[in-house]
PDB file of N, CA and C in Angstrom:
ATOM      1  N   ILE A   1     -14.230  21.021  -2.508  1.00  0.00           N
ATOM      2  CA  ILE A   1     -14.625  21.084  -1.108  1.00  0.00           C
ATOM      3  C   ILE A   1     -13.419  21.556  -0.305  1.00  0.00           C
ATOM      4  N   GLY A   2     -13.601  22.623   0.430  1.00  0.00           N
ATOM      5  CA  GLY A   2     -12.558  23.091   1.312  1.00  0.00           C
ATOM      6  C   GLY A   2     -11.553  24.019   0.660  1.00  0.00           C
ATOM      7  N   GLY A   3     -11.751  24.362  -0.612  1.00  0.00           N
ATOM      8  CA  GLY A   3     -10.831  25.282  -1.262  1.00  0.00           C
ATOM      9  C   GLY A   3      -9.436  24.712  -1.407  1.00  0.00           C
ATOM     10  N   PHE A   4      -8.454  25.603  -1.345  1.00  0.00           N
ATOM     11  CA  PHE A   4      -7.067  25.207  -1.537  1.00  0.00           C
ATOM     12  C   PHE A   4      -6.602  24.246  -0.445  1.00  0.00           C
ATOM     13  N   ASN A   5      -7.003  24.483   0.811  1.00  0.00           N
ATOM     14  CA  ASN A   5      -6.596  23.592   1.910  1.00  0.00           C
ATOM     15  C   ASN A   5      -7.225  22.215   1.771  1.00  0.00           C
ATOM     16  N   GLY A   6      -8.436  22.161   1.234  1.00  0.00           N
ATOM     17  CA  GLY A   6      -9.101  20.878   1.041  1.00  0.00           C
ATOM     18  C   GLY A   6      -8.400  19.997   0.027  1.00  0.00           C
ATOM     19  N   LEU A   7      -7.665  20.621  -0.865  1.00  0.00           N
ATOM     20  CA  LEU A   7      -6.934  19.874  -1.879  1.00  0.00           C
ATOM     21  C   LEU A   7      -5.880  18.962  -1.244  1.00  0.00           C
ATOM     22  N   TYR A   8      -5.260  19.424  -0.165  1.00  0.00           N
ATOM     23  CA  TYR A   8      -4.178  18.667   0.460  1.00  0.00           C
ATOM     24  C   TYR A   8      -4.608  17.925   1.724  1.00  0.00           C
ATOM     25  N   LYS A   9      -5.895  17.919   2.026  1.00  0.00           N
ATOM     26  CA  LYS A   9      -6.370  17.288   3.254  1.00  0.00           C
ATOM     27  C   LYS A   9      -6.118  15.778   3.274  1.00  0.00           C
ATOM     28  N   GLY A  10      -6.222  15.123   2.137  1.00  0.00           N
ATOM     29  CA  GLY A  10      -6.012  13.679   2.073  1.00  0.00           C
ATOM     30  C   GLY A  10      -4.597  13.281   1.745  1.00  0.00           C
ATOM     31  N   LEU A  11      -3.697  14.229   1.755  1.00  0.00           N
ATOM     32  CA  LEU A  11      -2.315  13.953   1.369  1.00  0.00           C
ATOM     33  C   LEU A  11      -1.612  13.006   2.344  1.00  0.00           C
ATOM     34  N   LEU A  12      -1.782  13.213   3.621  1.00  0.00           N
ATOM     35  CA  LEU A  12      -1.079  12.399   4.620  1.00  0.00           C
ATOM     36  C   LEU A  12      -1.408  10.910   4.510  1.00  0.00           C
ATOM     37  N   PRO A  13      -2.682  10.507   4.469  1.00  0.00           N
ATOM     38  CA  PRO A  13      -2.956   9.065   4.333  1.00  0.00           C
ATOM     39  C   PRO A  13      -2.431   8.478   3.024  1.00  0.00           C
ATOM     40  N   CYS A  14      -2.499   9.241   1.952  1.00  0.00           N
ATOM     41  CA  CYS A  14      -2.025   8.753   0.661  1.00  0.00           C
ATOM     42  C   CYS A  14      -0.504   8.585   0.660  1.00  0.00           C
ATOM     43  N   VAL A  15       0.187   9.553   1.186  1.00  0.00           N
ATOM     44  CA  VAL A  15       1.650   9.482   1.248  1.00  0.00           C
ATOM     45  C   VAL A  15       2.087   8.369   2.201  1.00  0.00           C
ATOM     46  N   ALA A  16       1.382   8.226   3.326  1.00  0.00           N
ATOM     47  CA  ALA A  16       1.729   7.166   4.283  1.00  0.00           C
ATOM     48  C   ALA A  16       1.627   5.795   3.627  1.00  0.00           C
ATOM     49  N   ARG A  17       0.545   5.573   2.876  1.00  0.00           N
ATOM     50  CA  ARG A  17       0.375   4.291   2.197  1.00  0.00           C
ATOM     51  C   ARG A  17       1.486   4.065   1.180  1.00  0.00           C
ATOM     52  N   ASP A  18       1.789   5.085   0.378  1.00  0.00           N
ATOM     53  CA  ASP A  18       2.803   4.933  -0.657  1.00  0.00           C
ATOM     54  C   ASP A  18       4.204   4.755  -0.084  1.00  0.00           C
ATOM     55  N   VAL A  19       4.508   5.456   0.995  1.00  0.00           N
ATOM     56  CA  VAL A  19       5.833   5.332   1.611  1.00  0.00           C
ATOM     57  C   VAL A  19       6.017   3.935   2.203  1.00  0.00           C
ATOM     58  N   VAL A  20       4.999   3.452   2.901  1.00  0.00           N
ATOM     59  CA  VAL A  20       5.093   2.110   3.490  1.00  0.00           C
ATOM     60  C   VAL A  20       5.243   1.059   2.396  1.00  0.00           C
ATOM     61  N   PHE A  21       4.399   1.145   1.375  1.00  0.00           N
ATOM     62  CA  PHE A  21       4.451   0.169   0.284  1.00  0.00           C
ATOM     63  C   PHE A  21       5.812   0.196  -0.413  1.00  0.00           C
ATOM     64  N   SER A  22       6.261   1.383  -0.775  1.00  0.00           N
ATOM     65  CA  SER A  22       7.523   1.494  -1.511  1.00  0.00           C
ATOM     66  C   SER A  22       8.730   1.102  -0.669  1.00  0.00           C
ATOM     67  N   SER A  23       8.695   1.438   0.622  1.00  0.00           N
ATOM     68  CA  SER A  23       9.835   1.093   1.477  1.00  0.00           C
ATOM     69  C   SER A  23       9.924  -0.412   1.718  1.00  0.00           C
ATOM     70  N   CYS A  24       8.828  -1.117   1.538  1.00  0.00           N
ATOM     71  CA  CYS A  24       8.868  -2.585   1.621  1.00  0.00           C
ATOM     72  C   CYS A  24       9.199  -3.209   0.264  1.00  0.00           C
ATOM     73  N   LEU A  25       8.613  -2.669  -0.786  1.00  0.00           N
ATOM     74  CA  LEU A  25       8.726  -3.273  -2.114  1.00  0.00           C
ATOM     75  C   LEU A  25      10.127  -3.174  -2.701  1.00  0.00           C
ATOM     76  N   PHE A  26      10.670  -1.977  -2.785  1.00  0.00           N
ATOM     77  CA  PHE A  26      11.904  -1.790  -3.544  1.00  0.00           C
ATOM     78  C   PHE A  26      13.120  -2.479  -2.938  1.00  0.00           C
ATOM     79  N   PRO A  27      13.359  -2.402  -1.629  1.00  0.00           N
ATOM     80  CA  PRO A  27      14.509  -3.148  -1.099  1.00  0.00           C
ATOM     81  C   PRO A  27      14.343  -4.661  -1.248  1.00  0.00           C
ATOM     82  N   SER A  28      13.116  -5.147  -1.039  1.00  0.00           N
ATOM     83  CA  SER A  28      12.873  -6.586  -1.189  1.00  0.00           C
ATOM     84  C   SER A  28      13.113  -7.020  -2.627  1.00  0.00           C
ATOM     85  N   PHE A  29      12.584  -6.240  -3.569  1.00  0.00           N
ATOM     86  CA  PHE A  29      12.767  -6.576  -4.980  1.00  0.00           C
ATOM     87  C   PHE A  29      14.245  -6.582  -5.359  1.00  0.00           C
ATOM     88  N   ALA A  30      14.972  -5.570  -4.929  1.00  0.00           N
ATOM     89  CA  ALA A  30      16.395  -5.486  -5.267  1.00  0.00           C
ATOM     90  C   ALA A  30      17.163  -6.689  -4.708  1.00  0.00           C
ATOM     91  N   HIS A  31      16.854  -7.062  -3.484  1.00  0.00           N
ATOM     92  CA  HIS A  31      17.547  -8.192  -2.868  1.00  0.00           C
ATOM     93  C   HIS A  31      17.167  -9.504  -3.561  1.00  0.00           C
ATOM     94  N   LEU A  32      15.869  -9.698  -3.793  1.00  0.00           N
ATOM     95  CA  LEU A  32      15.425 -10.936  -4.437  1.00  0.00           C
ATOM     96  C   LEU A  32      15.945 -11.052  -5.862  1.00  0.00           C
ATOM     97  N   LYS A  33      16.010  -9.942  -6.572  1.00  0.00           N
ATOM     98  CA  LYS A  33      16.510  -9.958  -7.944  1.00  0.00           C
ATOM     99  C   LYS A  33      17.973 -10.393  -7.991  1.00  0.00           C
ATOM    100  N   GLU A  34      18.701 -10.074  -6.935  1.00  0.00           N
ATOM    101  CA  GLU A  34      20.116 -10.472  -6.865  1.00  0.00           C
ATOM    102  C   GLU A  34      20.270 -11.961  -6.538  1.00  0.00           C
ATOM    103  N   ILE A  35      19.479 -12.468  -5.592  1.00  0.00           N
ATOM    104  CA  ILE A  35      19.717 -13.831  -5.104  1.00  0.00           C
ATOM    105  C   ILE A  35      18.935 -14.919  -5.835  1.00  0.00           C
ATOM    106  N   LEU A  36      17.816 -14.574  -6.467  1.00  0.00           N
ATOM    107  CA  LEU A  36      16.991 -15.600  -7.101  1.00  0.00           C
ATOM    108  C   LEU A  36      17.673 -16.364  -8.233  1.00  0.00           C
ATOM    109  N   PRO A  37      18.376 -15.720  -9.156  1.00  0.00           N
ATOM    110  CA  PRO A  37      18.982 -16.510 -10.242  1.00  0.00           C
ATOM    111  C   PRO A  37      19.917 -17.605  -9.733  1.00  0.00           C
ATOM    112  N   ASP A  38      20.786 -17.273  -8.800  1.00  0.00           N
ATOM    113  CA  ASP A  38      21.711 -18.282  -8.265  1.00  0.00           C
ATOM    114  C   ASP A  38      20.981 -19.351  -7.470  1.00  0.00           C
ATOM    115  N   THR A  39      20.019 -18.926  -6.657  1.00  0.00           N
ATOM    116  CA  THR A  39      19.272 -19.876  -5.829  1.00  0.00           C
ATOM    117  C   THR A  39      18.467 -20.850  -6.680  1.00  0.00           C
ATOM    118  N   LEU A  40      17.769 -20.333  -7.669  1.00  0.00           N
ATOM    119  CA  LEU A  40      16.966 -21.206  -8.525  1.00  0.00           C
ATOM    120  C   LEU A  40      17.832 -22.091  -9.409  1.00  0.00           C
ATOM    121  N   SER A  41      18.920 -21.527  -9.920  1.00  0.00           N
ATOM    122  CA  SER A  41      19.816 -22.333 -10.760  1.00  0.00           C
ATOM    123  C   SER A  41      20.417 -23.492  -9.991  1.00  0.00           C
ATOM    124  N   SER A  42      20.829 -23.249  -8.754  1.00  0.00           N
ATOM    125  CA  SER A  42      21.405 -24.341  -7.959  1.00  0.00           C
ATOM    126  C   SER A  42      20.339 -25.347  -7.539  1.00  0.00           C
ATOM    127  N   SER A  43      19.115 -24.890  -7.316  1.00  0.00           N
ATOM    128  CA  SER A  43      18.029 -25.806  -6.927  1.00  0.00           C
ATOM    129  C   SER A  43      17.575 -26.669  -8.098  1.00  0.00           C
ATOM    130  N   LEU A  44      17.459 -26.059  -9.270  1.00  0.00           N
ATOM    131  CA  LEU A  44      16.940 -26.774 -10.438  1.00  0.00           C
ATOM    132  C   LEU A  44      18.022 -27.514 -11.218  1.00  0.00           C
ATOM    133  N   GLY A  45      19.253 -27.115 -11.024  1.00  0.00           N
ATOM    134  CA  GLY A  45      20.351 -27.795 -11.701  1.00  0.00           C
ATOM    135  C   GLY A  45      20.637 -27.280 -13.104  1.00  0.00           C
ATOM    136  N   HIS A  46      19.997 -26.204 -13.506  1.00  0.00           N
ATOM    137  CA  HIS A  46      20.285 -25.600 -14.808  1.00  0.00           C
ATOM    138  C   HIS A  46      20.070 -24.094 -14.725  1.00  0.00           C
ATOM    139  N   GLU A  47      20.562 -23.380 -15.753  1.00  0.00           N
ATOM    140  CA  GLU A  47      20.454 -21.920 -15.784  1.00  0.00           C
ATOM    141  C   GLU A  47      18.984 -21.512 -15.929  1.00  0.00           C
ATOM    142  N   VAL A  48      18.603 -20.473 -15.204  1.00  0.00           N
ATOM    143  CA  VAL A  48      17.226 -19.980 -15.232  1.00  0.00           C
ATOM    144  C   VAL A  48      17.199 -18.648 -15.978  1.00  0.00           C
ATOM    145  N   ASN A  49      16.154 -18.445 -16.776  1.00  0.00           N
ATOM    146  CA  ASN A  49      15.975 -17.232 -17.551  1.00  0.00           C
ATOM    147  C   ASN A  49      15.870 -16.028 -16.613  1.00  0.00           C
ATOM    148  N   ALA A  50      16.651 -14.976 -16.891  1.00  0.00           N
ATOM    149  CA  ALA A  50      16.691 -13.790 -16.036  1.00  0.00           C
ATOM    150  C   ALA A  50      15.345 -13.066 -15.997  1.00  0.00           C
ATOM    151  N   LEU A  51      14.609 -13.087 -17.100  1.00  0.00           N
ATOM    152  CA  LEU A  51      13.296 -12.438 -17.133  1.00  0.00           C
ATOM    153  C   LEU A  51      12.351 -13.074 -16.130  1.00  0.00           C
ATOM    154  N   TRP A  52      12.339 -14.395 -16.083  1.00  0.00           N
ATOM    155  CA  TRP A  52      11.453 -15.082 -15.136  1.00  0.00           C
ATOM    156  C   TRP A  52      11.872 -14.833 -13.699  1.00  0.00           C
ATOM    157  N   CYS A  53      13.157 -14.713 -13.466  1.00  0.00           N
ATOM    158  CA  CYS A  53      13.642 -14.384 -12.116  1.00  0.00           C
ATOM    159  C   CYS A  53      13.187 -12.987 -11.702  1.00  0.00           C
ATOM    160  N   THR A  54      13.219 -12.053 -12.639  1.00  0.00           N
ATOM    161  CA  THR A  54      12.776 -10.683 -12.353  1.00  0.00           C
ATOM    162  C   THR A  54      11.281 -10.653 -12.061  1.00  0.00           C
ATOM    163  N   ILE A  55      10.492 -11.369 -12.860  1.00  0.00           N
ATOM    164  CA  ILE A  55       9.042 -11.431 -12.629  1.00  0.00           C
ATOM    165  C   ILE A  55       8.746 -12.067 -11.281  1.00  0.00           C
ATOM    166  N   LEU A  56       9.425 -13.145 -10.977  1.00  0.00           N
ATOM    167  CA  LEU A  56       9.222 -13.823  -9.697  1.00  0.00           C
ATOM    168  C   LEU A  56       9.652 -12.934  -8.528  1.00  0.00           C
ATOM    169  N   ALA A  57      10.751 -12.225  -8.676  1.00  0.00           N
ATOM    170  CA  ALA A  57      11.206 -11.313  -7.620  1.00  0.00           C
ATOM    171  C   ALA A  57      10.183 -10.214  -7.385  1.00  0.00           C
ATOM    172  N   GLY A  58       9.609  -9.677  -8.450  1.00  0.00           N
ATOM    173  CA  GLY A  58       8.577  -8.647  -8.312  1.00  0.00           C
ATOM    174  C   GLY A  58       7.347  -9.164  -7.601  1.00  0.00           C
ATOM    175  N   ALA A  59       6.914 -10.353  -7.955  1.00  0.00           N
ATOM    176  CA  ALA A  59       5.740 -10.941  -7.312  1.00  0.00           C
ATOM    177  C   ALA A  59       6.005 -11.244  -5.839  1.00  0.00           C
ATOM    178  N   MET A  60       7.184 -11.778  -5.560  1.00  0.00           N
ATOM    179  CA  MET A  60       7.523 -12.111  -4.176  1.00  0.00           C
ATOM    180  C   MET A  60       7.686 -10.863  -3.315  1.00  0.00           C
ATOM    181  N   ALA A  61       8.118  -9.770  -3.888  1.00  0.00           N
ATOM    182  CA  ALA A  61       8.289  -8.528  -3.132  1.00  0.00           C
ATOM    183  C   ALA A  61       6.964  -7.789  -2.979  1.00  0.00           C
ATOM    184  N   ALA A  62       6.111  -7.854  -3.991  1.00  0.00           N
ATOM    185  CA  ALA A  62       4.859  -7.092  -3.970  1.00  0.00           C
ATOM    186  C   ALA A  62       3.836  -7.667  -2.994  1.00  0.00           C
ATOM    187  N   GLY A  63       3.799  -8.969  -2.839  1.00  0.00           N
ATOM    188  CA  GLY A  63       2.809  -9.580  -1.949  1.00  0.00           C
ATOM    189  C   GLY A  63       2.916  -9.090  -0.510  1.00  0.00           C
ATOM    190  N   PRO A  64       4.058  -9.270   0.127  1.00  0.00           N
ATOM    191  CA  PRO A  64       4.197  -8.774   1.504  1.00  0.00           C
ATOM    192  C   PRO A  64       4.077  -7.259   1.619  1.00  0.00           C
ATOM    193  N   ALA A  65       4.572  -6.533   0.624  1.00  0.00           N
ATOM    194  CA  ALA A  65       4.477  -5.065   0.671  1.00  0.00           C
ATOM    195  C   ALA A  65       3.016  -4.628   0.639  1.00  0.00           C
ATOM    196  N   ALA A  66       2.224  -5.264  -0.206  1.00  0.00           N
ATOM    197  CA  ALA A  66       0.794  -4.928  -0.276  1.00  0.00           C
ATOM    198  C   ALA A  66       0.094  -5.288   1.021  1.00  0.00           C
ATOM    199  N   PHE A  67       0.447  -6.423   1.614  1.00  0.00           N
ATOM    200  CA  PHE A  67      -0.161  -6.839   2.877  1.00  0.00           C
ATOM    201  C   PHE A  67       0.150  -5.828   3.982  1.00  0.00           C
ATOM    202  N   ILE A  68       1.379  -5.394   4.064  1.00  0.00           N
ATOM    203  CA  ILE A  68       1.789  -4.446   5.103  1.00  0.00           C
ATOM    204  C   ILE A  68       1.138  -3.077   4.894  1.00  0.00           C
ATOM    205  N   ALA A  69       0.944  -2.678   3.638  1.00  0.00           N
ATOM    206  CA  ALA A  69       0.377  -1.361   3.344  1.00  0.00           C
ATOM    207  C   ALA A  69      -1.153  -1.344   3.369  1.00  0.00           C
ATOM    208  N   THR A  70      -1.800  -2.499   3.463  1.00  0.00           N
ATOM    209  CA  THR A  70      -3.266  -2.561   3.400  1.00  0.00           C
ATOM    210  C   THR A  70      -3.962  -1.721   4.463  1.00  0.00           C
ATOM    211  N   PRO A  71      -3.542  -1.725   5.735  1.00  0.00           N
ATOM    212  CA  PRO A  71      -4.229  -0.861   6.708  1.00  0.00           C
ATOM    213  C   PRO A  71      -4.176   0.617   6.340  1.00  0.00           C
ATOM    214  N   PHE A  72      -3.066   1.063   5.808  1.00  0.00           N
ATOM    215  CA  PHE A  72      -2.949   2.460   5.386  1.00  0.00           C
ATOM    216  C   PHE A  72      -3.884   2.743   4.214  1.00  0.00           C
ATOM    217  N   ASP A  73      -4.015   1.786   3.313  1.00  0.00           N
ATOM    218  CA  ASP A  73      -4.914   1.948   2.173  1.00  0.00           C
ATOM    219  C   ASP A  73      -6.370   1.961   2.633  1.00  0.00           C
ATOM    220  N   THR A  74      -6.702   1.146   3.628  1.00  0.00           N
ATOM    221  CA  THR A  74      -8.063   1.135   4.170  1.00  0.00           C
ATOM    222  C   THR A  74      -8.410   2.481   4.777  1.00  0.00           C
ATOM    223  N   VAL A  75      -7.505   3.053   5.547  1.00  0.00           N
ATOM    224  CA  VAL A  75      -7.745   4.368   6.152  1.00  0.00           C
ATOM    225  C   VAL A  75      -7.928   5.421   5.066  1.00  0.00           C
ATOM    226  N   LYS A  76      -7.069   5.405   4.044  1.00  0.00           N
ATOM    227  CA  LYS A  76      -7.178   6.357   2.942  1.00  0.00           C
ATOM    228  C   LYS A  76      -8.528   6.232   2.233  1.00  0.00           C
ATOM    229  N   THR A  77      -8.950   5.000   1.994  1.00  0.00           N
ATOM    230  CA  THR A  77     -10.224   4.773   1.307  1.00  0.00           C
ATOM    231  C   THR A  77     -11.402   5.232   2.152  1.00  0.00           C
ATOM    232  N   ARG A  78     -11.366   4.972   3.459  1.00  0.00           N
ATOM    233  CA  ARG A  78     -12.452   5.426   4.341  1.00  0.00           C
ATOM    234  C   ARG A  78     -12.562   6.946   4.339  1.00  0.00           C
ATOM    235  N   ILE A  79     -11.431   7.623   4.327  1.00  0.00           N
ATOM    236  CA  ILE A  79     -11.451   9.090   4.297  1.00  0.00           C
ATOM    237  C   ILE A  79     -12.026   9.575   2.972  1.00  0.00           C
ATOM    238  N   GLN A  80     -11.645   8.934   1.863  1.00  0.00           N
ATOM    239  CA  GLN A  80     -12.189   9.321   0.564  1.00  0.00           C
ATOM    240  C   GLN A  80     -13.699   9.076   0.503  1.00  0.00           C
ATOM    241  N   GLN A  81     -14.165   7.946   1.045  1.00  0.00           N
ATOM    242  CA  GLN A  81     -15.598   7.648   1.036  1.00  0.00           C
ATOM    243  C   GLN A  81     -16.383   8.653   1.868  1.00  0.00           C
ATOM    244  N   ALA A  82     -15.808   9.080   2.975  1.00  0.00           N
ATOM    245  CA  ALA A  82     -16.497  10.070   3.814  1.00  0.00           C
ATOM    246  C   ALA A  82     -16.627  11.389   3.063  1.00  0.00           C
ATOM    247  N   ARG A  83     -15.620  11.740   2.307  1.00  0.00           N
ATOM    248  CA  ARG A  83     -15.676  12.992   1.535  1.00  0.00           C
ATOM    249  C   ARG A  83     -16.690  12.886   0.396  1.00  0.00           C
ATOM    250  N   GLU A  84     -16.776  11.720  -0.238  1.00  0.00           N
ATOM    251  CA  GLU A  84     -17.759  11.532  -1.308  1.00  0.00           C
ATOM    252  C   GLU A  84     -19.179  11.614  -0.747  1.00  0.00           C
ATOM    253  N   ALA A  85     -19.395  11.011   0.424  1.00  0.00           N
ATOM    254  CA  ALA A  85     -20.710  11.082   1.057  1.00  0.00           C
ATOM    255  C   ALA A  85     -21.047  12.525   1.418  1.00  0.00           C
ATOM    256  N   GLU A  86     -20.054  13.274   1.837  1.00  0.00           N
ATOM    257  CA  GLU A  86     -20.244  14.684   2.178  1.00  0.00           C
ATOM    258  C   GLU A  86     -20.657  15.477   0.937  1.00  0.00           C
ATOM    259  N   GLU A  87     -20.006  15.192  -0.202  1.00  0.00           N
ATOM    260  CA  GLU A  87     -20.346  15.887  -1.443  1.00  0.00           C
ATOM    261  C   GLU A  87     -21.761  15.558  -1.906  1.00  0.00           C
ATOM    262  N   GLU A  88     -22.146  14.266  -1.805  1.00  0.00           N
ATOM    263  CA  GLU A  88     -23.462  13.843  -2.265  1.00  0.00           C
ATOM    264  C   GLU A  88     -24.586  14.399  -1.405  1.00  0.00           C
ATOM    265  N   SER A  89     -24.377  14.419  -0.107  1.00  0.00           N
ATOM    266  CA  SER A  89     -25.441  14.865   0.793  1.00  0.00           C
ATOM    267  C   SER A  89     -25.527  16.379   0.876  1.00  0.00           C
ATOM    268  N   GLY A  90     -24.433  17.048   0.569  1.00  0.00           N
ATOM    269  CA  GLY A  90     -24.417  18.499   0.642  1.00  0.00           C
ATOM    270  C   GLY A  90     -24.249  19.031   2.057  1.00  0.00           C
ATOM    271  N   THR A  91     -24.037  18.145   3.008  1.00  0.00           N
ATOM    272  CA  THR A  91     -23.822  18.564   4.392  1.00  0.00           C
ATOM    273  C   THR A  91     -22.352  18.414   4.723  1.00  0.00           C
ATOM    274  N   ALA A  92     -21.907  19.205   5.651  1.00  0.00           N
ATOM    275  CA  ALA A  92     -20.507  19.147   6.070  1.00  0.00           C
ATOM    276  C   ALA A  92     -20.344  18.078   7.136  1.00  0.00           C
ATOM    277  N   ALA A  93     -19.641  17.034   6.806  1.00  0.00           N
ATOM    278  CA  ALA A  93     -19.360  15.981   7.782  1.00  0.00           C
ATOM    279  C   ALA A  93     -18.128  16.372   8.585  1.00  0.00           C
ATOM    280  N   ALA A  94     -18.010  15.793   9.754  1.00  0.00           N
ATOM    281  CA  ALA A  94     -16.835  16.070  10.585  1.00  0.00           C
ATOM    282  C   ALA A  94     -15.591  15.511   9.904  1.00  0.00           C
ATOM    283  N   ASP A  95     -14.508  16.231  10.017  1.00  0.00           N
ATOM    284  CA  ASP A  95     -13.259  15.742   9.439  1.00  0.00           C
ATOM    285  C   ASP A  95     -12.860  14.446  10.126  1.00  0.00           C
ATOM    286  N   ILE A  96     -12.360  13.524   9.340  1.00  0.00           N
ATOM    287  CA  ILE A  96     -11.933  12.242   9.880  1.00  0.00           C
ATOM    288  C   ILE A  96     -10.445  12.312  10.152  1.00  0.00           C
ATOM    289  N   ASP A  97     -10.091  12.028  11.370  1.00  0.00           N
ATOM    290  CA  ASP A  97      -8.695  11.991  11.774  1.00  0.00           C
ATOM    291  C   ASP A  97      -8.167  10.575  11.535  1.00  0.00           C
ATOM    292  N   PRO A  98      -7.091  10.400  10.750  1.00  0.00           N
ATOM    293  CA  PRO A  98      -6.582   9.054  10.480  1.00  0.00           C
ATOM    294  C   PRO A  98      -6.218   8.269  11.736  1.00  0.00           C
ATOM    295  N   ILE A  99      -5.662   8.922  12.729  1.00  0.00           N
ATOM    296  CA  ILE A  99      -5.258   8.223  13.959  1.00  0.00           C
ATOM    297  C   ILE A  99      -6.478   7.694  14.700  1.00  0.00           C
ATOM    298  N   SER A 100      -7.517   8.511  14.836  1.00  0.00           N
ATOM    299  CA  SER A 100      -8.719   8.048  15.524  1.00  0.00           C
ATOM    300  C   SER A 100      -9.422   6.966  14.719  1.00  0.00           C
ATOM    301  N   LEU A 101      -9.339   7.032  13.399  1.00  0.00           N
ATOM    302  CA  LEU A 101      -9.932   5.991  12.559  1.00  0.00           C
ATOM    303  C   LEU A 101      -9.226   4.660  12.777  1.00  0.00           C
ATOM    304  N   ILE A 102      -7.910   4.684  12.881  1.00  0.00           N
ATOM    305  CA  ILE A 102      -7.151   3.452  13.138  1.00  0.00           C
ATOM    306  C   ILE A 102      -7.528   2.874  14.497  1.00  0.00           C
ATOM    307  N   LYS A 103      -7.710   3.742  15.490  1.00  0.00           N
ATOM    308  CA  LYS A 103      -8.054   3.272  16.833  1.00  0.00           C
ATOM    309  C   LYS A 103      -9.451   2.668  16.898  1.00  0.00           C
ATOM    310  N   THR A 104     -10.382   3.165  16.080  1.00  0.00           N
ATOM    311  CA  THR A 104     -11.754   2.675  16.151  1.00  0.00           C
ATOM    312  C   THR A 104     -11.999   1.435  15.300  1.00  0.00           C
ATOM    313  N   LEU A 105     -11.193   1.214  14.247  1.00  0.00           N
ATOM    314  CA  LEU A 105     -11.392   0.037  13.398  1.00  0.00           C
ATOM    315  C   LEU A 105     -10.665  -1.160  13.987  1.00  0.00           C
ATOM    316  N   ASP A 106     -11.277  -2.346  13.851  1.00  0.00           N
ATOM    317  CA  ASP A 106     -10.614  -3.543  14.337  1.00  0.00           C
ATOM    318  C   ASP A 106      -9.619  -4.039  13.286  1.00  0.00           C
ATOM    319  N   VAL A 107      -8.808  -5.005  13.656  1.00  0.00           N
ATOM    320  CA  VAL A 107      -7.744  -5.495  12.792  1.00  0.00           C
ATOM    321  C   VAL A 107      -8.324  -6.093  11.513  1.00  0.00           C
ATOM    322  N   GLU A 108      -9.419  -6.820  11.619  1.00  0.00           N
ATOM    323  CA  GLU A 108     -10.035  -7.430  10.439  1.00  0.00           C
ATOM    324  C   GLU A 108     -10.471  -6.379   9.428  1.00  0.00           C
ATOM    325  N   THR A 109     -11.028  -5.284   9.917  1.00  0.00           N
ATOM    326  CA  THR A 109     -11.473  -4.207   9.028  1.00  0.00           C
ATOM    327  C   THR A 109     -10.278  -3.493   8.412  1.00  0.00           C
ATOM    328  N   LEU A 110      -9.224  -3.286   9.175  1.00  0.00           N
ATOM    329  CA  LEU A 110      -8.044  -2.616   8.627  1.00  0.00           C
ATOM    330  C   LEU A 110      -7.404  -3.422   7.491  1.00  0.00           C
ATOM    331  N   PHE A 111      -7.506  -4.740   7.551  1.00  0.00           N
ATOM    332  CA  PHE A 111      -6.925  -5.578   6.515  1.00  0.00           C
ATOM    333  C   PHE A 111      -7.932  -6.011   5.468  1.00  0.00           C
ATOM    334  N   SER A 112      -9.080  -5.335   5.401  1.00  0.00           N
ATOM    335  CA  SER A 112     -10.104  -5.717   4.408  1.00  0.00           C
ATOM    336  C   SER A 112      -9.972  -4.932   3.136  1.00  0.00           C
TER     337      SER A 112
END
């Protein structure tokens, strides 16, 4: 749909979601991976396995990053669904502008 230009039409919402997610995840993970072993060892009173600290750091970093990136993912998914509906019906639907979509959806829908 849309030829060569249609191939890159959904690029902006996808990149926005990935940039937001990654910019939250990687710095948080790096920081948590550094501080968790010492923090947990001093709290528990014994040495903590580095593997478990890494897993815990990943989980602690991924949760907030996913929460922050959810509105961007919702917009991306809505745009993809509109394109699928366009393909199934065979009619040309109006292009969805990500900015106008964000303005029309309420906060609950953006985080769904």
